[in-house]
N, C-alpha and C. Protein backbone atom coordinates (compact mmCIF):
# COMPACT_ATOMS: atom_id res chain seq x y z
N MET A 1 0.87 -1.23 0.02
CA MET A 1 -0.02 0.01 -0.01
C MET A 1 0.88 1.24 -0.08
N ALA A 2 0.60 2.11 -0.98
CA ALA A 2 1.35 3.35 -0.98
C ALA A 2 1.07 4.37 0.05
N VAL A 3 2.18 4.89 0.60
CA VAL A 3 1.87 5.93 1.59
C VAL A 3 2.07 7.28 1.17
N LYS A 4 1.02 8.06 1.41
CA LYS A 4 0.99 9.45 0.91
C LYS A 4 1.47 10.38 1.94
N ARG A 5 2.49 11.26 1.62
CA ARG A 5 2.99 12.17 2.57
C ARG A 5 2.56 13.61 2.23
N HIS A 6 2.08 14.39 3.06
CA HIS A 6 1.62 15.63 2.82
C HIS A 6 2.69 16.62 3.30
N PHE A 7 3.18 17.56 2.34
CA PHE A 7 4.24 18.50 2.71
C PHE A 7 3.46 19.91 3.03
N ASN A 8 3.62 20.34 4.27
CA ASN A 8 3.12 21.64 4.63
C ASN A 8 4.03 22.74 4.05
N THR A 9 3.58 23.53 3.15
CA THR A 9 4.44 24.52 2.47
C THR A 9 3.95 26.00 2.81
N SER A 10 3.30 26.05 4.00
CA SER A 10 2.60 27.40 4.31
C SER A 10 3.59 28.43 4.73
N PHE A 11 4.84 27.95 5.13
CA PHE A 11 5.85 28.87 5.49
C PHE A 11 6.51 29.40 4.31
N VAL A 12 7.22 30.56 4.49
CA VAL A 12 7.91 31.15 3.44
C VAL A 12 9.35 31.38 3.86
N LEU A 13 10.44 30.96 3.23
CA LEU A 13 11.75 31.34 3.60
C LEU A 13 12.00 32.87 3.63
N GLY A 14 12.63 33.35 4.69
CA GLY A 14 12.83 34.87 4.85
C GLY A 14 11.55 35.69 5.07
N ASN A 15 10.50 35.09 5.22
CA ASN A 15 9.29 35.90 5.57
C ASN A 15 9.39 36.51 6.94
N LYS A 16 9.36 37.88 7.01
CA LYS A 16 9.57 38.60 8.22
C LYS A 16 8.34 38.40 9.16
N LYS A 17 7.22 37.99 8.59
CA LYS A 17 6.08 37.76 9.40
C LYS A 17 6.18 36.60 10.29
N GLU A 18 7.03 35.70 10.04
CA GLU A 18 7.29 34.56 10.88
C GLU A 18 8.68 34.57 11.53
N SER A 19 8.69 34.29 12.71
CA SER A 19 9.99 34.25 13.43
C SER A 19 10.96 33.21 12.95
N SER A 20 12.21 33.39 13.20
CA SER A 20 13.27 32.49 12.70
C SER A 20 13.04 31.12 13.20
N SER A 21 12.62 30.99 14.48
CA SER A 21 12.44 29.63 15.12
C SER A 21 11.32 28.98 14.50
N GLU A 22 10.25 29.67 14.04
CA GLU A 22 9.15 29.01 13.43
C GLU A 22 9.57 28.56 12.07
N ASN A 23 10.27 29.35 11.26
CA ASN A 23 10.80 28.90 10.00
C ASN A 23 11.68 27.65 10.17
N ILE A 24 12.53 27.64 11.10
CA ILE A 24 13.50 26.53 11.43
C ILE A 24 12.63 25.20 11.57
N GLU A 25 11.62 25.34 12.53
CA GLU A 25 10.88 24.15 12.78
C GLU A 25 10.11 23.71 11.66
N SER A 26 9.56 24.54 10.69
CA SER A 26 8.92 24.02 9.59
C SER A 26 9.81 23.37 8.61
N ILE A 27 10.89 23.90 8.39
CA ILE A 27 11.89 23.32 7.46
C ILE A 27 12.42 21.88 7.98
N VAL A 28 12.66 21.83 9.37
CA VAL A 28 13.03 20.58 9.94
C VAL A 28 11.97 19.58 9.67
N ALA A 29 10.68 19.89 9.93
CA ALA A 29 9.72 18.86 9.65
C ALA A 29 9.71 18.43 8.29
N LEU A 30 9.82 19.37 7.23
CA LEU A 30 9.80 18.93 5.87
C LEU A 30 10.99 17.93 5.60
N TYR A 31 12.17 18.30 6.06
CA TYR A 31 13.31 17.47 5.71
C TYR A 31 13.31 16.05 6.44
N LYS A 32 12.56 16.01 7.57
CA LYS A 32 12.32 14.66 8.12
C LYS A 32 11.48 13.89 7.28
N GLN A 33 10.65 14.44 6.41
CA GLN A 33 9.85 13.67 5.40
C GLN A 33 10.62 13.40 4.15
N ILE A 34 11.61 14.34 3.73
CA ILE A 34 12.31 14.23 2.58
C ILE A 34 13.29 13.14 2.64
N ILE A 35 13.99 12.98 3.72
CA ILE A 35 15.11 12.06 3.87
C ILE A 35 14.67 10.59 3.44
N PRO A 36 13.54 10.02 3.99
CA PRO A 36 13.17 8.74 3.72
C PRO A 36 12.65 8.67 2.18
N LEU A 37 12.17 9.68 1.68
CA LEU A 37 11.68 9.74 0.19
C LEU A 37 12.88 9.54 -0.71
N ILE A 38 14.12 9.91 -0.33
CA ILE A 38 15.34 9.65 -1.13
C ILE A 38 15.91 8.30 -0.86
N GLY A 39 15.37 7.55 0.03
CA GLY A 39 15.94 6.18 0.29
C GLY A 39 16.78 6.04 1.54
N GLU A 40 16.79 7.03 2.40
CA GLU A 40 17.66 7.07 3.55
C GLU A 40 16.82 6.88 4.88
N ASP A 41 17.52 6.52 5.99
CA ASP A 41 16.89 6.27 7.20
C ASP A 41 17.11 7.50 8.09
N PRO A 42 15.98 8.35 8.35
CA PRO A 42 16.18 9.51 9.09
C PRO A 42 16.60 9.34 10.54
N ASN A 43 16.56 8.08 11.01
CA ASN A 43 16.93 7.68 12.37
C ASN A 43 18.40 7.12 12.45
N ARG A 44 19.12 7.07 11.39
CA ARG A 44 20.55 6.78 11.38
C ARG A 44 21.31 7.80 12.11
N GLU A 45 22.33 7.44 12.84
CA GLU A 45 23.04 8.43 13.80
C GLU A 45 23.44 9.65 12.99
N GLY A 46 23.98 9.42 11.82
CA GLY A 46 24.64 10.55 11.12
C GLY A 46 23.56 11.48 10.62
N LEU A 47 22.31 11.08 10.58
CA LEU A 47 21.29 11.86 9.98
C LEU A 47 20.30 12.54 11.00
N LEU A 48 20.53 12.17 12.23
CA LEU A 48 19.53 12.62 13.23
C LEU A 48 19.37 14.10 13.29
N LYS A 49 20.44 14.84 13.20
CA LYS A 49 20.44 16.33 13.32
C LYS A 49 20.44 17.00 12.03
N THR A 50 20.55 16.23 10.88
CA THR A 50 20.64 16.70 9.53
C THR A 50 19.47 17.69 9.19
N PRO A 51 18.18 17.44 9.53
CA PRO A 51 17.16 18.28 9.19
C PRO A 51 17.31 19.73 9.80
N GLU A 52 17.85 19.74 11.06
CA GLU A 52 18.13 21.04 11.69
C GLU A 52 19.19 21.76 11.10
N ARG A 53 20.28 20.94 10.73
CA ARG A 53 21.48 21.60 10.13
C ARG A 53 21.09 22.21 8.77
N VAL A 54 20.25 21.53 8.02
CA VAL A 54 19.89 21.94 6.70
C VAL A 54 18.94 23.17 6.88
N ALA A 55 18.11 23.14 7.77
CA ALA A 55 17.15 24.27 7.95
C ALA A 55 18.00 25.60 8.26
N LYS A 56 18.98 25.46 9.09
CA LYS A 56 19.81 26.50 9.53
C LYS A 56 20.63 27.02 8.37
N ALA A 57 21.19 26.03 7.52
CA ALA A 57 21.99 26.43 6.38
C ALA A 57 21.16 27.25 5.31
N LEU A 58 19.90 26.70 5.15
CA LEU A 58 19.05 27.32 4.13
C LEU A 58 18.70 28.80 4.59
N GLN A 59 18.48 29.03 5.92
CA GLN A 59 18.08 30.36 6.37
C GLN A 59 19.35 31.25 6.13
N PHE A 60 20.54 30.79 6.27
CA PHE A 60 21.72 31.53 6.12
C PHE A 60 21.91 31.87 4.60
N LEU A 61 21.65 30.88 3.78
CA LEU A 61 21.93 30.95 2.33
C LEU A 61 20.80 31.84 1.65
N THR A 62 19.84 32.08 2.29
CA THR A 62 18.75 32.88 1.74
C THR A 62 18.49 34.18 2.62
N LYS A 63 19.39 34.58 3.36
CA LYS A 63 19.17 35.73 4.27
C LYS A 63 19.10 37.08 3.51
N GLY A 64 19.41 37.04 2.24
CA GLY A 64 19.30 38.25 1.40
C GLY A 64 17.86 38.71 1.31
N TYR A 65 16.93 37.72 1.53
CA TYR A 65 15.52 38.23 1.37
C TYR A 65 15.16 39.21 2.52
N ASN A 66 15.88 39.18 3.57
CA ASN A 66 15.61 40.13 4.74
C ASN A 66 16.55 41.27 4.73
N GLU A 67 17.27 41.53 3.69
CA GLU A 67 18.16 42.64 3.60
C GLU A 67 17.79 43.59 2.39
N ASN A 68 18.03 44.90 2.67
CA ASN A 68 17.63 45.83 1.62
C ASN A 68 18.83 46.50 1.05
N PRO A 69 19.26 46.10 -0.22
CA PRO A 69 20.55 46.52 -0.61
C PRO A 69 20.64 48.00 -0.77
N GLU A 70 19.56 48.80 -1.06
CA GLU A 70 19.61 50.10 -1.21
C GLU A 70 19.84 50.78 0.09
N ASP A 71 19.34 50.35 1.21
CA ASP A 71 19.63 50.85 2.41
C ASP A 71 21.06 50.63 2.91
N ILE A 72 21.72 49.40 2.43
CA ILE A 72 23.06 49.14 2.72
C ILE A 72 23.95 50.35 2.09
N LEU A 73 23.62 50.69 0.84
CA LEU A 73 24.36 51.83 0.15
C LEU A 73 24.13 53.09 0.89
N LYS A 74 22.93 53.39 1.22
CA LYS A 74 22.55 54.71 1.75
C LYS A 74 23.24 54.97 3.21
N SER A 75 23.53 53.89 3.77
CA SER A 75 24.15 53.95 5.10
C SER A 75 25.47 54.52 5.14
N ALA A 76 26.10 54.57 3.86
CA ALA A 76 27.48 55.03 3.85
C ALA A 76 27.78 55.90 2.52
N LEU A 77 26.83 56.89 2.25
CA LEU A 77 27.04 57.73 1.21
C LEU A 77 27.73 59.11 1.58
N PHE A 78 28.69 59.44 0.94
CA PHE A 78 29.50 60.76 1.22
C PHE A 78 29.54 61.57 0.03
N ASN A 79 29.38 62.96 0.30
CA ASN A 79 29.73 63.96 -0.81
C ASN A 79 31.23 64.02 -0.96
N GLU A 80 31.59 63.80 -2.25
CA GLU A 80 33.07 63.88 -2.62
C GLU A 80 33.22 64.39 -4.00
N ASP A 81 34.18 65.25 -4.31
CA ASP A 81 34.49 65.72 -5.53
C ASP A 81 35.45 64.82 -6.26
N TYR A 82 34.98 63.68 -6.66
CA TYR A 82 35.89 62.65 -7.33
C TYR A 82 35.03 62.10 -8.49
N SER A 83 35.68 62.04 -9.61
CA SER A 83 34.92 61.73 -10.77
C SER A 83 35.64 60.69 -11.64
N GLU A 84 36.58 59.98 -11.05
CA GLU A 84 37.32 58.90 -11.91
C GLU A 84 36.73 57.59 -11.40
N MET A 85 37.14 56.57 -12.19
CA MET A 85 36.58 55.23 -11.89
C MET A 85 36.97 54.59 -10.62
N VAL A 86 36.00 54.01 -9.95
CA VAL A 86 36.20 53.36 -8.71
C VAL A 86 35.88 51.85 -8.98
N ILE A 87 36.87 50.95 -8.74
CA ILE A 87 36.67 49.48 -8.98
C ILE A 87 36.81 48.66 -7.75
N VAL A 88 35.87 47.82 -7.49
CA VAL A 88 36.07 46.89 -6.42
C VAL A 88 36.08 45.43 -7.15
N LYS A 89 37.12 44.77 -7.07
CA LYS A 89 37.18 43.51 -7.97
C LYS A 89 37.31 42.36 -7.06
N ASP A 90 37.22 41.10 -7.66
CA ASP A 90 37.40 39.89 -7.01
C ASP A 90 36.59 39.72 -5.68
N ILE A 91 35.32 40.22 -5.88
CA ILE A 91 34.33 40.02 -4.79
C ILE A 91 33.76 38.58 -4.82
N GLU A 92 34.03 37.86 -3.70
CA GLU A 92 33.54 36.49 -3.85
C GLU A 92 31.96 36.46 -3.83
N VAL A 93 31.46 35.59 -4.74
CA VAL A 93 29.99 35.45 -4.93
C VAL A 93 29.67 33.99 -4.65
N TYR A 94 28.60 33.73 -3.73
CA TYR A 94 28.05 32.52 -3.39
C TYR A 94 26.58 32.60 -3.47
N SER A 95 25.98 31.78 -4.37
CA SER A 95 24.49 31.85 -4.56
C SER A 95 23.98 30.61 -4.82
N GLN A 96 22.66 30.49 -5.00
CA GLN A 96 22.10 29.09 -5.32
C GLN A 96 21.15 29.29 -6.62
N CYS A 97 21.36 28.43 -7.50
CA CYS A 97 20.63 28.39 -8.76
C CYS A 97 19.15 28.05 -8.41
N GLU A 98 18.18 28.96 -8.86
CA GLU A 98 16.83 28.79 -8.48
C GLU A 98 16.15 27.54 -9.23
N HIS A 99 16.78 27.04 -10.19
CA HIS A 99 16.23 25.92 -10.94
C HIS A 99 16.40 24.58 -10.26
N HIS A 100 17.60 24.42 -9.64
CA HIS A 100 17.88 23.10 -8.91
C HIS A 100 18.32 23.28 -7.54
N MET A 101 18.39 24.52 -7.04
CA MET A 101 18.83 24.84 -5.83
C MET A 101 20.27 24.23 -5.44
N LEU A 102 21.03 24.24 -6.44
CA LEU A 102 22.47 23.87 -6.30
C LEU A 102 23.28 25.22 -6.33
N PRO A 103 24.44 25.15 -5.71
CA PRO A 103 25.26 26.30 -5.75
C PRO A 103 25.89 26.78 -7.00
N PHE A 104 25.98 28.14 -7.20
CA PHE A 104 26.99 28.59 -8.12
C PHE A 104 27.74 29.71 -7.46
N PHE A 105 29.00 29.85 -7.83
CA PHE A 105 29.99 30.73 -7.22
C PHE A 105 30.99 31.19 -8.07
N GLY A 106 31.63 32.26 -7.64
CA GLY A 106 32.71 32.78 -8.44
C GLY A 106 33.17 34.21 -7.92
N LYS A 107 33.37 35.18 -8.94
CA LYS A 107 33.93 36.52 -8.47
C LYS A 107 33.03 37.51 -9.26
N ALA A 108 32.84 38.76 -8.54
CA ALA A 108 32.28 39.78 -9.21
C ALA A 108 33.35 40.97 -9.22
N HIS A 109 33.24 41.65 -10.43
CA HIS A 109 34.11 43.01 -10.54
C HIS A 109 33.11 44.07 -10.85
N ILE A 110 33.13 45.09 -9.99
CA ILE A 110 32.28 46.20 -10.10
C ILE A 110 32.89 47.55 -10.12
N ALA A 111 32.45 48.32 -11.04
CA ALA A 111 32.99 49.77 -11.02
C ALA A 111 31.91 50.80 -11.27
N TYR A 112 32.20 51.97 -10.70
CA TYR A 112 31.25 53.10 -10.93
C TYR A 112 32.13 54.41 -10.99
N ILE A 113 31.55 55.38 -11.68
CA ILE A 113 32.07 56.72 -11.76
C ILE A 113 31.28 57.57 -11.06
N PRO A 114 31.86 58.13 -9.95
CA PRO A 114 31.02 59.05 -9.09
C PRO A 114 30.53 60.40 -9.83
N ASP A 115 29.46 60.87 -9.36
CA ASP A 115 28.92 62.11 -9.81
C ASP A 115 28.55 62.97 -8.58
N GLY A 116 29.52 63.20 -7.68
CA GLY A 116 29.33 64.06 -6.56
C GLY A 116 29.17 63.19 -5.25
N LYS A 117 28.92 61.95 -5.46
CA LYS A 117 28.68 61.02 -4.23
C LYS A 117 29.58 59.74 -4.41
N ILE A 118 30.26 59.40 -3.26
CA ILE A 118 30.95 58.04 -3.25
C ILE A 118 30.23 57.18 -2.08
N VAL A 119 30.48 55.92 -2.16
CA VAL A 119 29.96 55.05 -1.16
C VAL A 119 31.13 54.34 -0.47
N GLY A 120 30.96 53.97 0.79
CA GLY A 120 31.91 53.19 1.49
C GLY A 120 32.30 51.91 0.80
N LEU A 121 33.53 51.61 0.60
CA LEU A 121 33.89 50.54 -0.29
C LEU A 121 33.30 49.25 0.24
N SER A 122 33.28 48.92 1.55
CA SER A 122 32.73 47.74 2.03
C SER A 122 31.29 47.45 1.66
N LYS A 123 30.59 48.51 1.36
CA LYS A 123 29.07 48.35 1.11
C LYS A 123 28.81 47.71 -0.30
N ILE A 124 29.76 47.76 -1.20
CA ILE A 124 29.67 47.19 -2.46
C ILE A 124 29.59 45.62 -2.38
N PRO A 125 30.48 45.09 -1.67
CA PRO A 125 30.44 43.53 -1.52
C PRO A 125 29.18 43.10 -0.66
N ARG A 126 28.78 43.97 0.23
CA ARG A 126 27.64 43.65 1.00
C ARG A 126 26.30 43.73 0.14
N VAL A 127 26.28 44.56 -0.78
CA VAL A 127 25.16 44.53 -1.79
C VAL A 127 25.24 43.33 -2.71
N VAL A 128 26.34 42.95 -3.01
CA VAL A 128 26.49 41.71 -3.77
C VAL A 128 25.89 40.48 -2.99
N ASP A 129 26.38 40.42 -1.73
CA ASP A 129 25.87 39.30 -0.85
C ASP A 129 24.28 39.44 -0.66
N ALA A 130 23.77 40.56 -0.48
CA ALA A 130 22.35 40.72 -0.28
C ALA A 130 21.60 40.14 -1.39
N PHE A 131 22.00 40.42 -2.67
CA PHE A 131 21.32 39.88 -3.75
C PHE A 131 21.71 38.41 -4.03
N ALA A 132 22.93 37.93 -3.80
CA ALA A 132 23.34 36.64 -3.96
C ALA A 132 22.73 35.63 -3.00
N ARG A 133 22.46 36.16 -1.81
CA ARG A 133 21.90 35.15 -0.80
C ARG A 133 20.38 34.99 -0.94
N ARG A 134 20.06 34.66 -2.19
CA ARG A 134 18.67 34.29 -2.55
C ARG A 134 18.66 33.29 -3.61
N LEU A 135 17.62 32.79 -3.97
CA LEU A 135 17.51 31.93 -5.15
C LEU A 135 17.60 32.77 -6.41
N GLN A 136 18.62 32.46 -7.28
CA GLN A 136 19.07 33.34 -8.24
C GLN A 136 19.31 32.69 -9.57
N VAL A 137 19.32 33.33 -10.63
CA VAL A 137 20.13 33.13 -11.87
C VAL A 137 21.12 34.09 -12.11
N GLN A 138 22.29 33.77 -12.68
CA GLN A 138 23.38 34.65 -12.74
C GLN A 138 23.11 36.01 -13.52
N GLU A 139 22.18 35.75 -14.55
CA GLU A 139 21.95 36.91 -15.40
C GLU A 139 21.17 38.01 -14.60
N ARG A 140 20.14 37.55 -13.84
CA ARG A 140 19.32 38.54 -13.03
C ARG A 140 20.20 39.11 -11.88
N LEU A 141 21.06 38.32 -11.28
CA LEU A 141 21.94 38.82 -10.22
C LEU A 141 22.74 39.96 -10.83
N THR A 142 23.36 39.76 -11.93
CA THR A 142 24.18 40.87 -12.47
C THR A 142 23.37 42.16 -12.69
N LEU A 143 22.18 42.00 -13.27
CA LEU A 143 21.34 43.23 -13.45
C LEU A 143 20.95 43.87 -12.18
N GLU A 144 20.69 43.05 -11.21
CA GLU A 144 20.11 43.66 -9.85
C GLU A 144 21.27 44.38 -9.25
N ILE A 145 22.43 43.98 -9.28
CA ILE A 145 23.47 44.68 -8.73
C ILE A 145 23.77 46.00 -9.40
N ARG A 146 23.83 45.90 -10.79
CA ARG A 146 23.93 47.11 -11.54
C ARG A 146 22.90 48.15 -11.24
N ASP A 147 21.57 47.81 -11.31
CA ASP A 147 20.50 48.66 -11.08
C ASP A 147 20.48 49.28 -9.73
N CYS A 148 20.85 48.42 -8.68
CA CYS A 148 20.82 49.00 -7.42
C CYS A 148 21.86 50.04 -7.28
N LEU A 149 22.98 49.92 -7.77
CA LEU A 149 24.13 50.90 -7.74
C LEU A 149 23.74 52.26 -8.46
N GLN A 150 23.18 51.94 -9.69
CA GLN A 150 22.81 53.05 -10.43
C GLN A 150 21.61 53.93 -9.73
N LYS A 151 20.67 53.28 -9.23
CA LYS A 151 19.51 53.99 -8.70
C LYS A 151 19.89 54.75 -7.47
N THR A 152 20.77 54.07 -6.65
CA THR A 152 21.10 54.60 -5.40
C THR A 152 22.17 55.62 -5.39
N LEU A 153 23.12 55.47 -6.14
CA LEU A 153 24.36 56.34 -6.18
C LEU A 153 24.15 57.44 -7.28
N SER A 154 23.33 57.24 -8.21
CA SER A 154 23.11 58.19 -9.38
C SER A 154 24.58 58.58 -10.02
N PRO A 155 25.37 57.60 -10.31
CA PRO A 155 26.78 57.85 -10.76
C PRO A 155 26.62 58.17 -12.27
N LYS A 156 27.80 58.50 -12.87
CA LYS A 156 27.89 58.58 -14.37
C LYS A 156 27.79 57.34 -15.02
N GLY A 157 28.01 56.24 -14.43
CA GLY A 157 27.98 54.97 -14.93
C GLY A 157 28.35 53.85 -14.04
N VAL A 158 27.83 52.61 -14.29
CA VAL A 158 28.12 51.48 -13.51
C VAL A 158 28.50 50.25 -14.45
N ALA A 159 29.47 49.49 -14.03
CA ALA A 159 29.87 48.36 -14.71
C ALA A 159 29.93 47.11 -13.79
N VAL A 160 29.31 45.98 -14.27
CA VAL A 160 29.32 44.76 -13.49
C VAL A 160 29.77 43.63 -14.25
N VAL A 161 30.71 42.79 -13.86
CA VAL A 161 31.07 41.61 -14.44
C VAL A 161 31.05 40.42 -13.39
N LEU A 162 30.42 39.33 -13.76
CA LEU A 162 30.31 38.27 -12.87
C LEU A 162 30.97 37.00 -13.66
N GLU A 163 31.70 36.21 -13.05
CA GLU A 163 32.22 34.96 -13.68
C GLU A 163 32.02 33.89 -12.58
N CYS A 164 31.22 32.92 -12.97
CA CYS A 164 30.85 31.91 -11.92
C CYS A 164 30.84 30.54 -12.55
N SER A 165 31.08 29.50 -11.61
CA SER A 165 30.91 28.14 -11.88
C SER A 165 29.55 27.67 -11.33
N HIS A 166 28.86 26.80 -12.02
CA HIS A 166 27.55 26.44 -11.68
C HIS A 166 27.49 24.81 -11.40
N MET A 167 27.19 24.49 -10.25
CA MET A 167 27.06 23.06 -9.84
C MET A 167 26.00 22.29 -10.59
N CYS A 168 24.92 23.05 -11.12
CA CYS A 168 23.91 22.32 -11.83
C CYS A 168 24.52 21.83 -13.20
N MET A 169 25.59 22.57 -13.61
CA MET A 169 26.16 22.08 -14.84
C MET A 169 27.33 21.09 -14.61
N GLN A 170 27.88 21.15 -13.42
CA GLN A 170 29.26 20.47 -13.21
C GLN A 170 28.86 19.08 -12.48
N MET A 171 27.82 19.17 -11.63
CA MET A 171 27.61 17.89 -10.82
C MET A 171 26.52 17.16 -11.49
N ARG A 172 25.64 17.60 -12.41
CA ARG A 172 24.55 17.08 -13.03
C ARG A 172 24.36 17.51 -14.47
N GLY A 173 23.40 17.01 -15.11
CA GLY A 173 23.22 17.57 -16.54
C GLY A 173 24.36 17.16 -17.47
N VAL A 174 24.89 18.24 -18.05
CA VAL A 174 25.96 17.97 -18.97
C VAL A 174 27.34 17.64 -18.31
N GLU A 175 27.48 17.84 -17.00
CA GLU A 175 28.57 17.49 -16.18
C GLU A 175 29.96 18.04 -16.90
N LYS A 176 29.97 19.29 -17.16
CA LYS A 176 31.17 19.97 -17.75
C LYS A 176 31.86 20.66 -16.59
N GLN A 177 32.84 19.93 -16.04
CA GLN A 177 33.48 20.33 -14.82
C GLN A 177 34.20 21.75 -14.91
N ASN A 178 34.72 21.89 -16.15
CA ASN A 178 35.62 23.15 -16.30
C ASN A 178 34.92 24.26 -16.91
N SER A 179 33.62 24.24 -16.99
CA SER A 179 32.93 25.32 -17.59
C SER A 179 32.73 26.59 -16.70
N SER A 180 32.61 27.63 -17.14
CA SER A 180 32.23 28.92 -16.26
C SER A 180 31.46 29.85 -17.14
N THR A 181 30.68 30.67 -16.50
CA THR A 181 29.74 31.63 -17.21
C THR A 181 30.09 33.05 -16.86
N THR A 182 30.21 33.89 -17.83
CA THR A 182 30.54 35.20 -17.51
C THR A 182 29.37 36.16 -18.05
N THR A 183 28.85 37.03 -17.14
CA THR A 183 27.85 38.00 -17.44
C THR A 183 28.30 39.28 -17.24
N SER A 184 27.79 40.34 -17.97
CA SER A 184 28.15 41.68 -17.75
C SER A 184 26.94 42.59 -17.99
N ALA A 185 27.00 43.87 -17.31
CA ALA A 185 25.95 44.73 -17.39
C ALA A 185 26.45 46.21 -17.27
N PHE A 186 26.17 47.17 -17.98
CA PHE A 186 26.66 48.55 -17.98
C PHE A 186 25.55 49.53 -17.98
N THR A 187 25.86 50.69 -17.49
CA THR A 187 25.07 51.86 -17.60
C THR A 187 25.88 53.13 -17.83
N GLY A 188 25.27 54.18 -18.30
CA GLY A 188 25.99 55.47 -18.53
C GLY A 188 27.08 55.46 -19.42
N VAL A 189 28.25 56.04 -18.89
CA VAL A 189 29.38 56.13 -19.74
C VAL A 189 30.10 54.85 -20.12
N PHE A 190 29.81 53.87 -19.32
CA PHE A 190 30.37 52.51 -19.71
C PHE A 190 29.67 51.97 -20.97
N LEU A 191 28.41 52.45 -21.18
CA LEU A 191 27.74 52.02 -22.39
C LEU A 191 28.04 53.05 -23.59
N SER A 192 28.08 54.24 -23.37
CA SER A 192 28.22 55.25 -24.37
C SER A 192 29.64 55.50 -24.77
N ASN A 193 30.58 55.15 -23.92
CA ASN A 193 32.07 55.54 -24.20
C ASN A 193 32.86 54.34 -24.26
N GLU A 194 33.23 53.81 -25.45
CA GLU A 194 33.89 52.63 -25.66
C GLU A 194 35.28 52.60 -24.87
N ALA A 195 35.95 53.79 -24.89
CA ALA A 195 37.37 53.78 -24.18
C ALA A 195 37.20 53.52 -22.71
N THR A 196 36.07 54.00 -22.07
CA THR A 196 35.86 53.80 -20.68
C THR A 196 35.63 52.34 -20.46
N ARG A 197 34.88 51.83 -21.22
CA ARG A 197 34.40 50.36 -21.04
C ARG A 197 35.63 49.59 -21.23
N LYS A 198 36.45 49.82 -22.19
CA LYS A 198 37.80 49.12 -22.42
C LYS A 198 38.72 49.28 -21.32
N GLU A 199 38.73 50.47 -20.67
CA GLU A 199 39.64 50.65 -19.52
C GLU A 199 39.23 49.74 -18.39
N PHE A 200 37.90 49.70 -18.11
CA PHE A 200 37.39 48.75 -17.08
C PHE A 200 37.72 47.28 -17.36
N ILE A 201 37.55 46.87 -18.53
CA ILE A 201 37.82 45.51 -18.88
C ILE A 201 39.35 45.17 -18.78
N GLN A 202 40.14 46.15 -19.14
CA GLN A 202 41.62 45.88 -19.03
C GLN A 202 42.04 45.89 -17.63
N LEU A 203 41.45 46.56 -16.76
CA LEU A 203 41.86 46.63 -15.32
C LEU A 203 41.45 45.40 -14.59
N ILE A 204 40.35 44.70 -15.06
CA ILE A 204 39.99 43.45 -14.45
C ILE A 204 40.39 42.14 -15.14
N GLN A 205 40.89 42.42 -16.41
CA GLN A 205 41.06 41.28 -17.30
C GLN A 205 42.06 40.25 -16.71
N SER A 206 43.10 40.80 -16.02
CA SER A 206 44.16 39.80 -15.55
C SER A 206 43.53 38.87 -14.52
N LYS A 207 42.38 39.32 -13.85
CA LYS A 207 41.80 38.51 -12.96
C LYS A 207 40.73 37.47 -13.38
N LEU A 208 40.42 37.71 -14.73
CA LEU A 208 39.38 36.87 -15.34
C LEU A 208 40.13 35.56 -15.95
N HIS A 209 39.48 34.37 -15.90
CA HIS A 209 40.19 33.20 -16.55
C HIS A 209 39.23 32.45 -17.26
């Protein structure tokens, strides 16, 4: 006789209306049902605390839903008469593909040209994390970072390049272990001025592989 299992999906990851402990308990209950469905024994010693560990890991990996990237930038904006390119490169990126919930990771290289305002340098990696710690696709992640910087800083231009390896391609599917994906997005002078765009690419090119 087949056993039907009902999965309660009423909770939402990162929903501020529910407390962290309530989310953890809901995810734990779900994983206690998932483990036997894949053929394992949830009562085996090594798996006893696995549902709780997974629940806590998921909350950490999706904490970006509870962060406002624009507010991160606004917390450290300064008036400054500087109008040359500012680049923060080799920013580590860790995210999860929304199609298979497998990791993708790599580096982000970000530049902007100020127009009267600069931002604290540590805030740019924090913005990357706020968007990356969600279920994502690399293409959208690239655009979200670009648009957030452009909207909040109102610079003369923004440039974003991401280069990532995707476990959904390397561990499963086509299983191409050495593949990587590069995406880019530009605004302002990085779009209209080829020399500016080339300067950005040249400055980060040695770090791209």
